[in-house]
Amino acid sequence: MPNLKQVLVCQNRTCRKQGAKSILEAFIALPVPGVTVTASSCLGQCGNGPMVLVLPDMVWYCGVRSNEVALIVEQHLIGDKKVTQMLDKRFHPEQKK
Protein backbone atom coordinates (compact mmCIF):
# COMPACT_ATOMS: atom_id res chain seq x y z
CA MET A 1 0.00 0.00 0.00
CA PRO A 2 1.48 3.39 -0.94
CA ASN A 3 2.09 6.02 1.69
CA LEU A 4 -1.18 7.96 1.78
CA LYS A 5 -0.99 11.73 2.06
CA GLN A 6 -3.63 14.32 2.80
CA VAL A 7 -3.51 17.94 1.67
CA LEU A 8 -5.49 20.32 3.84
CA VAL A 9 -6.29 23.70 2.28
CA CYS A 10 -7.62 26.24 4.76
CA GLN A 11 -10.97 27.66 3.68
CA ASN A 12 -11.56 29.95 6.65
CA ARG A 13 -12.37 33.63 6.17
CA THR A 14 -8.86 35.15 6.01
CA CYS A 15 -7.42 32.47 3.73
CA ARG A 16 -10.49 32.65 1.47
CA LYS A 17 -10.01 36.41 1.12
CA GLN A 18 -6.44 35.66 0.01
CA GLY A 19 -7.52 33.19 -2.68
CA ALA A 20 -7.76 29.84 -0.87
CA LYS A 21 -10.75 28.72 -2.96
CA SER A 22 -8.64 28.80 -6.14
CA ILE A 23 -5.83 26.95 -4.31
CA LEU A 24 -8.24 24.15 -3.39
CA GLU A 25 -9.59 24.02 -6.96
CA ALA A 26 -6.04 23.86 -8.35
CA PHE A 27 -5.16 20.87 -6.13
CA ILE A 28 -8.40 19.10 -7.10
CA ALA A 29 -7.58 19.70 -10.79
CA LEU A 30 -4.22 17.92 -10.36
CA PRO A 31 -5.11 14.59 -8.73
CA VAL A 32 -2.31 12.38 -7.41
CA PRO A 33 -2.88 8.68 -6.63
CA GLY A 34 -2.79 8.09 -2.87
CA VAL A 35 -3.31 11.78 -2.05
CA THR A 36 -6.59 13.22 -0.80
CA VAL A 37 -7.28 16.95 -0.97
CA THR A 38 -9.57 18.37 1.69
CA ALA A 39 -10.99 21.79 2.43
CA SER A 40 -10.19 22.48 6.07
CA SER A 41 -11.43 24.87 8.67
CA CYS A 42 -8.99 27.36 10.20
CA LEU A 43 -5.47 25.96 10.59
CA GLY A 44 -4.64 28.65 13.16
CA GLN A 45 -2.21 30.61 10.97
CA CYS A 46 -4.33 33.62 10.05
CA GLY A 47 -2.34 36.31 8.27
CA ASN A 48 0.06 33.86 6.61
CA GLY A 49 -2.38 32.32 4.17
CA PRO A 50 -3.49 30.84 2.12
CA MET A 51 -2.25 27.91 4.21
CA VAL A 52 -1.67 24.36 2.96
CA LEU A 53 -0.80 21.51 5.35
CA VAL A 54 0.49 18.18 4.00
CA LEU A 55 -0.13 15.19 6.28
CA PRO A 56 1.29 12.93 7.63
CA ASP A 57 4.47 14.86 6.69
CA MET A 58 3.44 17.87 8.87
CA VAL A 59 4.71 20.23 6.16
CA TRP A 60 3.21 23.72 6.30
CA TYR A 61 3.14 25.93 3.20
CA CYS A 62 2.18 29.59 3.61
CA GLY A 63 1.17 32.32 1.20
CA VAL A 64 0.41 29.74 -1.48
CA ARG A 65 -0.81 31.03 -4.84
CA SER A 66 -2.82 28.96 -7.31
CA ASN A 67 0.00 29.09 -9.88
CA GLU A 68 2.31 27.46 -7.31
CA VAL A 69 0.12 24.42 -6.67
CA ALA A 70 1.63 22.44 -9.57
CA LEU A 71 5.08 22.88 -8.01
CA ILE A 72 3.85 21.44 -4.69
CA VAL A 73 2.18 18.56 -6.53
CA GLU A 74 5.23 17.72 -8.65
CA GLN A 75 7.99 18.33 -6.12
CA HIS A 76 6.38 17.30 -2.82
CA LEU A 77 3.42 15.01 -3.51
CA ILE A 78 5.06 13.12 -6.39
CA GLY A 79 8.79 13.74 -5.79
CA ASP A 80 8.64 13.64 -1.97
CA LYS A 81 10.79 16.80 -1.61
CA LYS A 82 9.61 19.89 0.26
CA VAL A 83 9.25 23.13 -1.70
CA THR A 84 11.62 25.01 0.61
CA GLN A 85 10.88 28.55 -0.62
CA MET A 86 7.21 28.18 0.36
CA LEU A 87 7.64 26.62 3.81
CA ASP A 88 6.24 28.43 6.84
CA LYS A 89 9.35 29.42 8.81
CA ARG A 90 7.55 29.06 12.15
CA PHE A 91 7.18 25.33 11.55
CA HIS A 92 10.33 24.84 9.47
CA PRO A 93 12.92 27.26 10.93
CA GLU A 94 15.82 25.18 9.62
CA GLN A 95 14.95 25.98 6.02
CA LYS A 96 16.78 28.88 4.37
CA LYS A 97 15.41 30.90 1.46
PDB file of N, CA and C in Angstrom:
ATOM      1  N   MET A   1       0.849  -1.191   0.000  1.00  0.00           N
ATOM      2  CA  MET A   1       0.000   0.000   0.000  1.00  0.00           C
ATOM      3  C   MET A   1       0.889   1.247   0.000  1.00  0.00           C
ATOM      4  N   PRO A   2       0.651   2.184  -0.908  1.00  0.00           N
ATOM      5  CA  PRO A   2       1.477   3.392  -0.944  1.00  0.00           C
ATOM      6  C   PRO A   2       1.233   4.270   0.282  1.00  0.00           C
ATOM      7  N   ASN A   3       2.210   5.100   0.584  1.00  0.00           N
ATOM      8  CA  ASN A   3       2.085   6.021   1.693  1.00  0.00           C
ATOM      9  C   ASN A   3       1.022   7.060   1.351  1.00  0.00           C
ATOM     10  N   LEU A   4      -0.083   7.055   2.077  1.00  0.00           N
ATOM     11  CA  LEU A   4      -1.177   7.964   1.779  1.00  0.00           C
ATOM     12  C   LEU A   4      -0.915   9.336   2.385  1.00  0.00           C
ATOM     13  N   LYS A   5      -1.174  10.353   1.596  1.00  0.00           N
ATOM     14  CA  LYS A   5      -0.994  11.725   2.057  1.00  0.00           C
ATOM     15  C   LYS A   5      -2.331  12.445   1.993  1.00  0.00           C
ATOM     16  N   GLN A   6      -2.448  13.469   2.825  1.00  0.00           N
ATOM     17  CA  GLN A   6      -3.627  14.316   2.797  1.00  0.00           C
ATOM     18  C   GLN A   6      -3.163  15.765   2.712  1.00  0.00           C
ATOM     19  N   VAL A   7      -3.793  16.516   1.821  1.00  0.00           N
ATOM     20  CA  VAL A   7      -3.506  17.939   1.669  1.00  0.00           C
ATOM     21  C   VAL A   7      -4.701  18.693   2.222  1.00  0.00           C
ATOM     22  N   LEU A   8      -4.448  19.486   3.269  1.00  0.00           N
ATOM     23  CA  LEU A   8      -5.494  20.323   3.842  1.00  0.00           C
ATOM     24  C   LEU A   8      -5.301  21.745   3.334  1.00  0.00           C
ATOM     25  N   VAL A   9      -6.350  22.320   2.781  1.00  0.00           N
ATOM     26  CA  VAL A   9      -6.294  23.696   2.283  1.00  0.00           C
ATOM     27  C   VAL A   9      -7.283  24.506   3.110  1.00  0.00           C
ATOM     28  N   CYS A  10      -6.760  25.433   3.901  1.00  0.00           N
ATOM     29  CA  CYS A  10      -7.615  26.240   4.764  1.00  0.00           C
ATOM     30  C   CYS A  10      -8.640  27.001   3.924  1.00  0.00           C
ATOM     31  N   GLN A  11      -9.894  26.940   4.366  1.00  0.00           N
ATOM     32  CA  GLN A  11     -10.974  27.658   3.683  1.00  0.00           C
ATOM     33  C   GLN A  11     -11.669  28.628   4.632  1.00  0.00           C
ATOM     34  N   ASN A  12     -10.978  28.993   5.718  1.00  0.00           N
ATOM     35  CA  ASN A  12     -11.557  29.948   6.650  1.00  0.00           C
ATOM     36  C   ASN A  12     -11.503  31.354   6.061  1.00  0.00           C
ATOM     37  N   ARG A  13     -12.150  32.279   6.709  1.00  0.00           N
ATOM     38  CA  ARG A  13     -12.367  33.625   6.169  1.00  0.00           C
ATOM     39  C   ARG A  13     -11.110  34.314   5.634  1.00  0.00           C
ATOM     40  N   THR A  14     -10.053  34.408   6.446  1.00  0.00           N
ATOM     41  CA  THR A  14      -8.863  35.150   6.014  1.00  0.00           C
ATOM     42  C   THR A  14      -8.205  34.482   4.813  1.00  0.00           C
ATOM     43  N   CYS A  15      -8.042  33.169   4.858  1.00  0.00           N
ATOM     44  CA  CYS A  15      -7.422  32.468   3.726  1.00  0.00           C
ATOM     45  C   CYS A  15      -8.279  32.575   2.467  1.00  0.00           C
ATOM     46  N   ARG A  16      -9.599  32.510   2.638  1.00  0.00           N
ATOM     47  CA  ARG A  16     -10.486  32.646   1.466  1.00  0.00           C
ATOM     48  C   ARG A  16     -10.346  34.022   0.830  1.00  0.00           C
ATOM     49  N   LYS A  17     -10.204  35.063   1.654  1.00  0.00           N
ATOM     50  CA  LYS A  17     -10.007  36.411   1.120  1.00  0.00           C
ATOM     51  C   LYS A  17      -8.705  36.499   0.336  1.00  0.00           C
ATOM     52  N   GLN A  18      -7.739  35.652   0.669  1.00  0.00           N
ATOM     53  CA  GLN A  18      -6.438  35.663   0.012  1.00  0.00           C
ATOM     54  C   GLN A  18      -6.361  34.656  -1.142  1.00  0.00           C
ATOM     55  N   GLY A  19      -7.489  34.052  -1.508  1.00  0.00           N
ATOM     56  CA  GLY A  19      -7.523  33.191  -2.681  1.00  0.00           C
ATOM     57  C   GLY A  19      -7.501  31.698  -2.422  1.00  0.00           C
ATOM     58  N   ALA A  20      -7.837  31.263  -1.212  1.00  0.00           N
ATOM     59  CA  ALA A  20      -7.756  29.843  -0.871  1.00  0.00           C
ATOM     60  C   ALA A  20      -8.695  28.964  -1.693  1.00  0.00           C
ATOM     61  N   LYS A  21      -9.819  29.524  -2.151  1.00  0.00           N
ATOM     62  CA  LYS A  21     -10.747  28.719  -2.959  1.00  0.00           C
ATOM     63  C   LYS A  21     -10.074  28.281  -4.257  1.00  0.00           C
ATOM     64  N   SER A  22      -9.322  29.177  -4.882  1.00  0.00           N
ATOM     65  CA  SER A  22      -8.639  28.805  -6.135  1.00  0.00           C
ATOM     66  C   SER A  22      -7.487  27.838  -5.874  1.00  0.00           C
ATOM     67  N   ILE A  23      -6.887  27.895  -4.676  1.00  0.00           N
ATOM     68  CA  ILE A  23      -5.827  26.947  -4.313  1.00  0.00           C
ATOM     69  C   ILE A  23      -6.425  25.547  -4.224  1.00  0.00           C
ATOM     70  N   LEU A  24      -7.550  25.431  -3.526  1.00  0.00           N
ATOM     71  CA  LEU A  24      -8.240  24.149  -3.388  1.00  0.00           C
ATOM     72  C   LEU A  24      -8.618  23.607  -4.761  1.00  0.00           C
ATOM     73  N   GLU A  25      -9.183  24.452  -5.613  1.00  0.00           N
ATOM     74  CA  GLU A  25      -9.587  24.022  -6.962  1.00  0.00           C
ATOM     75  C   GLU A  25      -8.383  23.564  -7.779  1.00  0.00           C
ATOM     76  N   ALA A  26      -7.242  24.239  -7.611  1.00  0.00           N
ATOM     77  CA  ALA A  26      -6.037  23.858  -8.355  1.00  0.00           C
ATOM     78  C   ALA A  26      -5.532  22.488  -7.915  1.00  0.00           C
ATOM     79  N   PHE A  27      -5.566  22.203  -6.609  1.00  0.00           N
ATOM     80  CA  PHE A  27      -5.160  20.871  -6.130  1.00  0.00           C
ATOM     81  C   PHE A  27      -6.099  19.797  -6.649  1.00  0.00           C
ATOM     82  N   ILE A  28      -7.411  20.075  -6.627  1.00  0.00           N
ATOM     83  CA  ILE A  28      -8.396  19.100  -7.104  1.00  0.00           C
ATOM     84  C   ILE A  28      -8.208  18.830  -8.597  1.00  0.00           C
ATOM     85  N   ALA A  29      -7.778  19.849  -9.344  1.00  0.00           N
ATOM     86  CA  ALA A  29      -7.580  19.704 -10.794  1.00  0.00           C
ATOM     87  C   ALA A  29      -6.325  18.903 -11.136  1.00  0.00           C
ATOM     88  N   LEU A  30      -5.451  18.670 -10.143  1.00  0.00           N
ATOM     89  CA  LEU A  30      -4.217  17.917 -10.361  1.00  0.00           C
ATOM     90  C   LEU A  30      -4.172  16.713  -9.420  1.00  0.00           C
ATOM     91  N   PRO A  31      -5.046  15.729  -9.653  1.00  0.00           N
ATOM     92  CA  PRO A  31      -5.109  14.593  -8.726  1.00  0.00           C
ATOM     93  C   PRO A  31      -3.836  13.758  -8.748  1.00  0.00           C
ATOM     94  N   VAL A  32      -3.474  13.251  -7.566  1.00  0.00           N
ATOM     95  CA  VAL A  32      -2.310  12.385  -7.413  1.00  0.00           C
ATOM     96  C   VAL A  32      -2.787  11.113  -6.720  1.00  0.00           C
ATOM     97  N   PRO A  33      -2.469   9.927  -7.286  1.00  0.00           N
ATOM     98  CA  PRO A  33      -2.881   8.678  -6.627  1.00  0.00           C
ATOM     99  C   PRO A  33      -2.334   8.613  -5.202  1.00  0.00           C
ATOM    100  N   GLY A  34      -3.210   8.218  -4.259  1.00  0.00           N
ATOM    101  CA  GLY A  34      -2.793   8.089  -2.869  1.00  0.00           C
ATOM    102  C   GLY A  34      -2.801   9.396  -2.093  1.00  0.00           C
ATOM    103  N   VAL A  35      -3.260  10.478  -2.724  1.00  0.00           N
ATOM    104  CA  VAL A  35      -3.310  11.781  -2.053  1.00  0.00           C
ATOM    105  C   VAL A  35      -4.753  12.280  -2.064  1.00  0.00           C
ATOM    106  N   THR A  36      -5.261  12.621  -0.870  1.00  0.00           N
ATOM    107  CA  THR A  36      -6.587  13.223  -0.804  1.00  0.00           C
ATOM    108  C   THR A  36      -6.431  14.715  -0.527  1.00  0.00           C
ATOM    109  N   VAL A  37      -7.274  15.497  -1.148  1.00  0.00           N
ATOM    110  CA  VAL A  37      -7.275  16.948  -0.969  1.00  0.00           C
ATOM    111  C   VAL A  37      -8.563  17.307  -0.245  1.00  0.00           C
ATOM    112  N   THR A  38      -8.427  18.058   0.844  1.00  0.00           N
ATOM    113  CA  THR A  38      -9.567  18.366   1.688  1.00  0.00           C
ATOM    114  C   THR A  38      -9.604  19.851   2.018  1.00  0.00           C
ATOM    115  N   ALA A  39     -10.790  20.431   1.938  1.00  0.00           N
ATOM    116  CA  ALA A  39     -10.987  21.792   2.431  1.00  0.00           C
ATOM    117  C   ALA A  39     -11.004  21.700   3.950  1.00  0.00           C
ATOM    118  N   SER A  40     -10.227  22.544   4.610  1.00  0.00           N
ATOM    119  CA  SER A  40     -10.187  22.481   6.073  1.00  0.00           C
ATOM    120  C   SER A  40     -10.743  23.761   6.668  1.00  0.00           C
ATOM    121  N   SER A  41     -11.085  23.669   7.928  1.00  0.00           N
ATOM    122  CA  SER A  41     -11.428  24.871   8.672  1.00  0.00           C
ATOM    123  C   SER A  41     -10.116  25.548   9.048  1.00  0.00           C
ATOM    124  N   CYS A  42     -10.180  26.565   9.864  1.00  0.00           N
ATOM    125  CA  CYS A  42      -8.992  27.357  10.196  1.00  0.00           C
ATOM    126  C   CYS A  42      -7.856  26.472  10.714  1.00  0.00           C
ATOM    127  N   LEU A  43      -6.660  26.695  10.160  1.00  0.00           N
ATOM    128  CA  LEU A  43      -5.466  25.962  10.591  1.00  0.00           C
ATOM    129  C   LEU A  43      -4.683  26.758  11.636  1.00  0.00           C
ATOM    130  N   GLY A  44      -5.242  27.881  12.083  1.00  0.00           N
ATOM    131  CA  GLY A  44      -4.637  28.650  13.155  1.00  0.00           C
ATOM    132  C   GLY A  44      -3.459  29.515  12.745  1.00  0.00           C
ATOM    133  N   GLN A  45      -3.336  29.817  11.458  1.00  0.00           N
ATOM    134  CA  GLN A  45      -2.209  30.610  10.972  1.00  0.00           C
ATOM    135  C   GLN A  45      -2.689  31.839  10.218  1.00  0.00           C
ATOM    136  N   CYS A  46      -3.752  32.457  10.709  1.00  0.00           N
ATOM    137  CA  CYS A  46      -4.329  33.621  10.046  1.00  0.00           C
ATOM    138  C   CYS A  46      -3.268  34.693   9.810  1.00  0.00           C
ATOM    139  N   GLY A  47      -3.303  35.277   8.631  1.00  0.00           N
ATOM    140  CA  GLY A  47      -2.342  36.313   8.270  1.00  0.00           C
ATOM    141  C   GLY A  47      -1.173  35.781   7.469  1.00  0.00           C
ATOM    142  N   ASN A  48      -1.032  34.465   7.379  1.00  0.00           N
ATOM    143  CA  ASN A  48       0.059  33.856   6.610  1.00  0.00           C
ATOM    144  C   ASN A  48      -0.469  33.073   5.423  1.00  0.00           C
ATOM    145  N   GLY A  49      -1.750  33.153   5.176  1.00  0.00           N
ATOM    146  CA  GLY A  49      -2.379  32.318   4.169  1.00  0.00           C
ATOM    147  C   GLY A  49      -2.200  32.818   2.752  1.00  0.00           C
ATOM    148  N   PRO A  50      -2.782  32.084   1.876  1.00  0.00           N
ATOM    149  CA  PRO A  50      -3.491  30.839   2.116  1.00  0.00           C
ATOM    150  C   PRO A  50      -2.544  29.741   2.620  1.00  0.00           C
ATOM    151  N   MET A  51      -3.044  28.966   3.580  1.00  0.00           N
ATOM    152  CA  MET A  51      -2.246  27.909   4.208  1.00  0.00           C
ATOM    153  C   MET A  51      -2.586  26.551   3.606  1.00  0.00           C
ATOM    154  N   VAL A  52      -1.525  25.741   3.427  1.00  0.00           N
ATOM    155  CA  VAL A  52      -1.666  24.364   2.964  1.00  0.00           C
ATOM    156  C   VAL A  52      -0.849  23.500   3.915  1.00  0.00           C
ATOM    157  N   LEU A  53      -1.475  22.443   4.442  1.00  0.00           N
ATOM    158  CA  LEU A  53      -0.796  21.513   5.346  1.00  0.00           C
ATOM    159  C   LEU A  53      -0.806  20.139   4.708  1.00  0.00           C
ATOM    160  N   VAL A  54       0.376  19.524   4.576  1.00  0.00           N
ATOM    161  CA  VAL A  54       0.491  18.180   3.999  1.00  0.00           C
ATOM    162  C   VAL A  54       0.713  17.199   5.151  1.00  0.00           C
ATOM    163  N   LEU A  55      -0.204  16.238   5.261  1.00  0.00           N
ATOM    164  CA  LEU A  55      -0.127  15.192   6.280  1.00  0.00           C
ATOM    165  C   LEU A  55       0.159  13.852   5.619  1.00  0.00           C
ATOM    166  N   PRO A  56       0.799  12.898   6.249  1.00  0.00           N
ATOM    167  CA  PRO A  56       1.287  12.931   7.626  1.00  0.00           C
ATOM    168  C   PRO A  56       2.649  13.617   7.757  1.00  0.00           C
ATOM    169  N   ASP A  57       3.125  14.255   6.697  1.00  0.00           N
ATOM    170  CA  ASP A  57       4.466  14.856   6.695  1.00  0.00           C
ATOM    171  C   ASP A  57       4.591  16.049   7.657  1.00  0.00           C
ATOM    172  N   MET A  58       3.437  16.661   8.026  1.00  0.00           N
ATOM    173  CA  MET A  58       3.437  17.868   8.866  1.00  0.00           C
ATOM    174  C   MET A  58       4.254  18.983   8.210  1.00  0.00           C
ATOM    175  N   VAL A  59       4.031  19.167   6.904  1.00  0.00           N
ATOM    176  CA  VAL A  59       4.707  20.232   6.158  1.00  0.00           C
ATOM    177  C   VAL A  59       3.696  21.349   5.925  1.00  0.00           C
ATOM    178  N   TRP A  60       4.063  22.539   6.393  1.00  0.00           N
ATOM    179  CA  TRP A  60       3.211  23.719   6.305  1.00  0.00           C
ATOM    180  C   TRP A  60       3.711  24.641   5.204  1.00  0.00           C
ATOM    181  N   TYR A  61       2.834  24.953   4.245  1.00  0.00           N
ATOM    182  CA  TYR A  61       3.143  25.925   3.204  1.00  0.00           C
ATOM    183  C   TYR A  61       2.295  27.171   3.449  1.00  0.00           C
ATOM    184  N   CYS A  62       2.916  28.347   3.353  1.00  0.00           N
ATOM    185  CA  CYS A  62       2.177  29.587   3.614  1.00  0.00           C
ATOM    186  C   CYS A  62       2.219  30.495   2.386  1.00  0.00           C
ATOM    187  N   GLY A  63       1.225  31.371   2.303  1.00  0.00           N
ATOM    188  CA  GLY A  63       1.166  32.322   1.203  1.00  0.00           C
ATOM    189  C   GLY A  63       1.113  31.665  -0.158  1.00  0.00           C
ATOM    190  N   VAL A  64       0.456  30.500  -0.230  1.00  0.00           N
ATOM    191  CA  VAL A  64       0.405  29.735  -1.482  1.00  0.00           C
ATOM    192  C   VAL A  64      -0.478  30.453  -2.493  1.00  0.00           C
ATOM    193  N   ARG A  65      -0.030  30.466  -3.740  1.00  0.00           N
ATOM    194  CA  ARG A  65      -0.814  31.025  -4.840  1.00  0.00           C
ATOM    195  C   ARG A  65      -1.219  29.871  -5.759  1.00  0.00           C
ATOM    196  N   SER A  66      -2.317  30.065  -6.472  1.00  0.00           N
ATOM    197  CA  SER A  66      -2.821  28.965  -7.310  1.00  0.00           C
ATOM    198  C   SER A  66      -1.815  28.539  -8.372  1.00  0.00           C
ATOM    199  N   ASN A  67      -0.991  29.481  -8.861  1.00  0.00           N
ATOM    200  CA  ASN A  67      -0.003  29.095  -9.884  1.00  0.00           C
ATOM    201  C   ASN A  67       1.192  28.351  -9.287  1.00  0.00           C
ATOM    202  N   GLU A  68       1.229  28.200  -7.959  1.00  0.00           N
ATOM    203  CA  GLU A  68       2.310  27.456  -7.310  1.00  0.00           C
ATOM    204  C   GLU A  68       1.901  26.042  -6.922  1.00  0.00           C
ATOM    205  N   VAL A  69       0.626  25.725  -7.063  1.00  0.00           N
ATOM    206  CA  VAL A  69       0.116  24.417  -6.665  1.00  0.00           C
ATOM    207  C   VAL A  69       0.796  23.297  -7.455  1.00  0.00           C
ATOM    208  N   ALA A  70       0.989  23.483  -8.751  1.00  0.00           N
ATOM    209  CA  ALA A  70       1.630  22.443  -9.573  1.00  0.00           C
ATOM    210  C   ALA A  70       3.024  22.114  -9.056  1.00  0.00           C
ATOM    211  N   LEU A  71       3.742  23.117  -8.559  1.00  0.00           N
ATOM    212  CA  LEU A  71       5.080  22.883  -8.007  1.00  0.00           C
ATOM    213  C   LEU A  71       5.002  22.008  -6.755  1.00  0.00           C
ATOM    214  N   ILE A  72       4.030  22.276  -5.876  1.00  0.00           N
ATOM    215  CA  ILE A  72       3.853  21.441  -4.685  1.00  0.00           C
ATOM    216  C   ILE A  72       3.489  20.017  -5.096  1.00  0.00           C
ATOM    217  N   VAL A  73       2.594  19.889  -6.069  1.00  0.00           N
ATOM    218  CA  VAL A  73       2.178  18.564  -6.533  1.00  0.00           C
ATOM    219  C   VAL A  73       3.373  17.792  -7.093  1.00  0.00           C
ATOM    220  N   GLU A  74       4.116  18.418  -8.003  1.00  0.00           N
ATOM    221  CA  GLU A  74       5.232  17.724  -8.651  1.00  0.00           C
ATOM    222  C   GLU A  74       6.386  17.447  -7.696  1.00  0.00           C
ATOM    223  N   GLN A  75       6.796  18.463  -6.946  1.00  0.00           N
ATOM    224  CA  GLN A  75       7.994  18.326  -6.124  1.00  0.00           C
ATOM    225  C   GLN A  75       7.724  17.585  -4.811  1.00  0.00           C
ATOM    226  N   HIS A  76       6.626  17.908  -4.124  1.00  0.00           N
ATOM    227  CA  HIS A  76       6.379  17.296  -2.820  1.00  0.00           C
ATOM    228  C   HIS A  76       5.529  16.034  -2.920  1.00  0.00           C
ATOM    229  N   LEU A  77       4.337  16.142  -3.514  1.00  0.00           N
ATOM    230  CA  LEU A  77       3.419  15.008  -3.508  1.00  0.00           C
ATOM    231  C   LEU A  77       3.895  13.865  -4.383  1.00  0.00           C
ATOM    232  N   ILE A  78       4.546  14.175  -5.502  1.00  0.00           N
ATOM    233  CA  ILE A  78       5.060  13.122  -6.388  1.00  0.00           C
ATOM    234  C   ILE A  78       6.529  12.841  -6.097  1.00  0.00           C
ATOM    235  N   GLY A  79       7.344  13.905  -5.974  1.00  0.00           N
ATOM    236  CA  GLY A  79       8.785  13.745  -5.792  1.00  0.00           C
ATOM    237  C   GLY A  79       9.250  13.602  -4.359  1.00  0.00           C
ATOM    238  N   ASP A  80       8.340  13.803  -3.394  1.00  0.00           N
ATOM    239  CA  ASP A  80       8.637  13.639  -1.967  1.00  0.00           C
ATOM    240  C   ASP A  80       9.739  14.572  -1.463  1.00  0.00           C
ATOM    241  N   LYS A  81       9.831  15.790  -2.063  1.00  0.00           N
ATOM    242  CA  LYS A  81      10.788  16.801  -1.610  1.00  0.00           C
ATOM    243  C   LYS A  81      10.024  18.072  -1.293  1.00  0.00           C
ATOM    244  N   LYS A  82      10.290  18.657  -0.132  1.00  0.00           N
ATOM    245  CA  LYS A  82       9.613  19.895   0.259  1.00  0.00           C
ATOM    246  C   LYS A  82       9.960  21.030  -0.706  1.00  0.00           C
ATOM    247  N   VAL A  83       9.011  21.915  -0.920  1.00  0.00           N
ATOM    248  CA  VAL A  83       9.247  23.126  -1.699  1.00  0.00           C
ATOM    249  C   VAL A  83       9.732  24.176  -0.690  1.00  0.00           C
ATOM    250  N   THR A  84      11.042  24.251  -0.503  1.00  0.00           N
ATOM    251  CA  THR A  84      11.617  25.010   0.609  1.00  0.00           C
ATOM    252  C   THR A  84      11.251  26.490   0.598  1.00  0.00           C
ATOM    253  N   GLN A  85      11.153  27.114  -0.572  1.00  0.00           N
ATOM    254  CA  GLN A  85      10.879  28.551  -0.615  1.00  0.00           C
ATOM    255  C   GLN A  85       9.466  28.904  -0.169  1.00  0.00           C
ATOM    256  N   MET A  86       8.591  27.916  -0.040  1.00  0.00           N
ATOM    257  CA  MET A  86       7.205  28.180   0.361  1.00  0.00           C
ATOM    258  C   MET A  86       6.904  27.730   1.785  1.00  0.00           C
ATOM    259  N   LEU A  87       7.877  27.146   2.467  1.00  0.00           N
ATOM    260  CA  LEU A  87       7.645  26.625   3.811  1.00  0.00           C
ATOM    261  C   LEU A  87       7.385  27.750   4.809  1.00  0.00           C
ATOM    262  N   ASP A  88       6.494  27.494   5.756  1.00  0.00           N
ATOM    263  CA  ASP A  88       6.238  28.434   6.839  1.00  0.00           C
ATOM    264  C   ASP A  88       7.404  28.332   7.822  1.00  0.00           C
ATOM    265  N   LYS A  89       8.132  29.418   7.991  1.00  0.00           N
ATOM    266  CA  LYS A  89       9.355  29.417   8.808  1.00  0.00           C
ATOM    267  C   LYS A  89       9.082  29.128  10.280  1.00  0.00           C
ATOM    268  N   ARG A  90       7.847  29.362  10.747  1.00  0.00           N
ATOM    269  CA  ARG A  90       7.547  29.057  12.149  1.00  0.00           C
ATOM    270  C   ARG A  90       7.547  27.563  12.408  1.00  0.00           C
ATOM    271  N   PHE A  91       7.208  26.777  11.401  1.00  0.00           N
ATOM    272  CA  PHE A  91       7.183  25.327  11.550  1.00  0.00           C
ATOM    273  C   PHE A  91       8.442  24.680  11.003  1.00  0.00           C
ATOM    274  N   HIS A  92       9.135  25.381  10.120  1.00  0.00           N
ATOM    275  CA  HIS A  92      10.333  24.841   9.470  1.00  0.00           C
ATOM    276  C   HIS A  92      11.458  25.856   9.561  1.00  0.00           C
ATOM    277  N   PRO A  93      11.916  26.197  10.782  1.00  0.00           N
ATOM    278  CA  PRO A  93      12.924  27.257  10.934  1.00  0.00           C
ATOM    279  C   PRO A  93      14.291  26.894  10.356  1.00  0.00           C
ATOM    280  N   GLU A  94      14.512  25.610  10.140  1.00  0.00           N
ATOM    281  CA  GLU A  94      15.821  25.176   9.619  1.00  0.00           C
ATOM    282  C   GLU A  94      15.986  25.454   8.148  1.00  0.00           C
ATOM    283  N   GLN A  95      14.906  25.774   7.456  1.00  0.00           N
ATOM    284  CA  GLN A  95      14.954  25.985   6.018  1.00  0.00           C
ATOM    285  C   GLN A  95      15.397  27.422   5.711  1.00  0.00           C
ATOM    286  N   LYS A  96      16.321  27.563   4.802  1.00  0.00           N
ATOM    287  CA  LYS A  96      16.782  28.879   4.365  1.00  0.00           C
ATOM    288  C   LYS A  96      16.143  29.195   3.022  1.00  0.00           C
ATOM    289  N   LYS A  97      15.959  30.486   2.768  1.00  0.00           N
ATOM    290  CA  LYS A  97      15.414  30.901   1.460  1.00  0.00           C
ATOM    291  C   LYS A  97      16.447  30.754   0.383  1.00  0.00           C
TER     292      LYS A  97
END
